[in-house]
């Protein structure tokens, strides 16, 4: 994906060396590594709703099981989805309560007092 100044593909050692220089110039903490960025990338894909095979392919894992062994805890559980669905339903009901139907309407009787 990225190439060195000579046009070669980065290998583990020269990529790490280049990253350390970038990190130092950017004033980032020592703990921000390429591996940290990789985990952040994967976590963001999962938080955005990507499925395990999509994340597996993006990370270059040979099998989805490798991805799941590392990141399974980040995917929402069935209980999380149930809670979110219920919260969405309750929010839509609450929005209806504030709809124009609750605003005082003009009298629909015209012409004088109602008999």
Protein backbone atom coordinates (compact mmCIF):
# COMPACT_ATOMS: atom_id res chain seq x y z
CA UNK A 1 0.00 0.00 0.00
CA UNK A 2 2.76 2.45 0.95
CA UNK A 3 6.18 2.64 -0.63
CA UNK A 4 9.54 3.86 0.61
CA UNK A 5 11.26 6.86 -0.95
CA UNK A 6 13.09 4.39 -3.23
CA UNK A 7 9.74 2.91 -4.34
CA UNK A 8 10.09 -0.37 -2.43
CA UNK A 9 7.24 -1.78 -0.38
CA UNK A 10 7.65 -1.26 3.34
CA UNK A 11 8.72 -4.29 5.32
CA UNK A 12 8.15 -4.69 9.05
CA UNK A 13 11.50 -3.17 10.08
CA UNK A 14 11.64 -0.20 7.72
CA UNK A 15 7.95 0.59 8.29
CA UNK A 16 8.56 0.67 12.05
CA UNK A 17 11.60 2.88 11.63
CA UNK A 18 9.67 5.32 9.42
CA UNK A 19 6.75 5.35 11.85
CA UNK A 20 8.99 6.13 14.83
CA UNK A 21 10.30 9.18 12.98
CA UNK A 22 6.80 10.33 12.06
CA UNK A 23 5.60 9.77 15.62
CA UNK A 24 8.47 11.81 17.06
CA UNK A 25 7.95 14.70 14.61
CA UNK A 26 4.21 14.70 15.36
CA UNK A 27 4.88 14.70 19.12
CA UNK A 28 2.81 11.57 19.68
CA UNK A 29 3.36 9.43 22.79
CA UNK A 30 5.74 6.46 22.59
CA UNK A 31 2.80 4.05 23.06
CA UNK A 32 1.20 5.02 19.73
CA UNK A 33 2.52 2.29 17.47
CA UNK A 34 1.62 1.00 14.03
CA UNK A 35 -0.03 -1.88 15.84
CA UNK A 36 -2.11 0.62 17.85
CA UNK A 37 -3.22 2.24 14.60
CA UNK A 38 -4.12 -1.19 13.19
CA UNK A 39 -6.30 -1.94 16.22
CA UNK A 40 -7.91 1.50 15.94
CA UNK A 41 -8.66 0.84 12.27
CA UNK A 42 -10.24 -2.54 13.06
CA UNK A 43 -12.23 -1.14 15.99
CA UNK A 44 -13.59 1.66 13.83
CA UNK A 45 -14.69 -0.79 11.12
CA UNK A 46 -16.55 -2.85 13.73
CA UNK A 47 -18.13 0.23 15.36
CA UNK A 48 -19.30 1.31 11.90
CA UNK A 49 -21.16 -1.98 11.48
CA UNK A 50 -18.79 -3.97 9.28
CA UNK A 51 -19.15 -7.74 9.44
CA UNK A 52 -16.36 -10.10 10.44
CA UNK A 53 -15.42 -11.09 6.87
CA UNK A 54 -15.08 -7.45 5.82
CA UNK A 55 -12.81 -6.73 8.80
CA UNK A 56 -10.86 -9.95 8.19
CA UNK A 57 -10.15 -8.96 4.60
CA UNK A 58 -9.25 -5.36 5.52
CA UNK A 59 -6.71 -6.62 8.07
CA UNK A 60 -5.36 -9.37 5.84
CA UNK A 61 -6.18 -12.20 8.27
CA UNK A 62 -6.12 -15.66 6.68
CA UNK A 63 -9.33 -16.75 8.44
CA UNK A 64 -12.30 -14.95 10.04
CA UNK A 65 -11.57 -16.92 13.22
CA UNK A 66 -8.31 -14.98 13.64
CA UNK A 67 -10.27 -11.73 13.51
CA UNK A 68 -12.89 -13.06 15.95
CA UNK A 69 -10.26 -14.28 18.40
CA UNK A 70 -8.95 -10.73 18.67
CA UNK A 71 -12.01 -8.54 18.19
CA UNK A 72 -15.14 -10.57 19.06
CA UNK A 73 -15.75 -8.50 22.19
CA UNK A 74 -16.22 -5.38 20.06
CA UNK A 75 -19.16 -6.66 18.02
CA UNK A 76 -22.54 -5.97 19.63
CA UNK A 77 -24.21 -8.96 21.25
CA UNK A 78 -27.83 -9.95 20.65
CA UNK A 79 -28.65 -8.29 23.97
CA UNK A 80 -26.96 -5.06 22.86
CA UNK A 81 -29.02 -5.08 19.65
CA UNK A 82 -32.22 -5.74 21.60
CA UNK A 83 -31.54 -2.83 23.94
CA UNK A 84 -30.72 -0.53 21.03
CA UNK A 85 -33.88 -1.52 19.14
CA UNK A 86 -36.00 -0.88 22.24
CA UNK A 87 -34.33 2.49 22.83
CA UNK A 88 -34.99 3.47 19.20
CA UNK A 89 -38.66 2.47 19.52
CA UNK A 90 -39.08 4.44 22.75
CA UNK A 91 -37.41 7.48 21.18
CA UNK A 92 -39.79 7.35 18.21
CA UNK A 93 -42.78 7.10 20.57
CA UNK A 94 -41.51 10.05 22.60
CA UNK A 95 -41.10 12.07 19.39
CA UNK A 96 -44.75 11.42 18.54
CA UNK A 97 -45.84 12.83 21.88
CA UNK A 98 -44.28 16.14 20.86
CA UNK A 99 -45.95 16.15 17.46
CA UNK A 100 -48.31 18.88 16.23
CA UNK A 101 -51.28 16.80 17.41
CA UNK A 102 -50.58 17.96 20.96
CA UNK A 103 -50.55 21.64 20.01
CA UNK A 104 -53.81 23.51 20.77
CA UNK A 105 -55.81 23.74 17.58
CA UNK A 106 -58.21 26.52 16.50
CA UNK A 107 -61.87 25.88 17.01
CA UNK A 108 -63.32 24.15 13.98
CA UNK A 109 -66.82 25.54 14.66
CA UNK A 110 -67.49 28.65 12.64
CA UNK A 111 -70.00 31.45 13.08
CA UNK A 112 -70.94 32.34 16.63
CA UNK A 113 -71.55 30.33 19.76
CA UNK A 114 -72.02 26.61 19.63
CA UNK A 115 -75.57 25.54 20.48
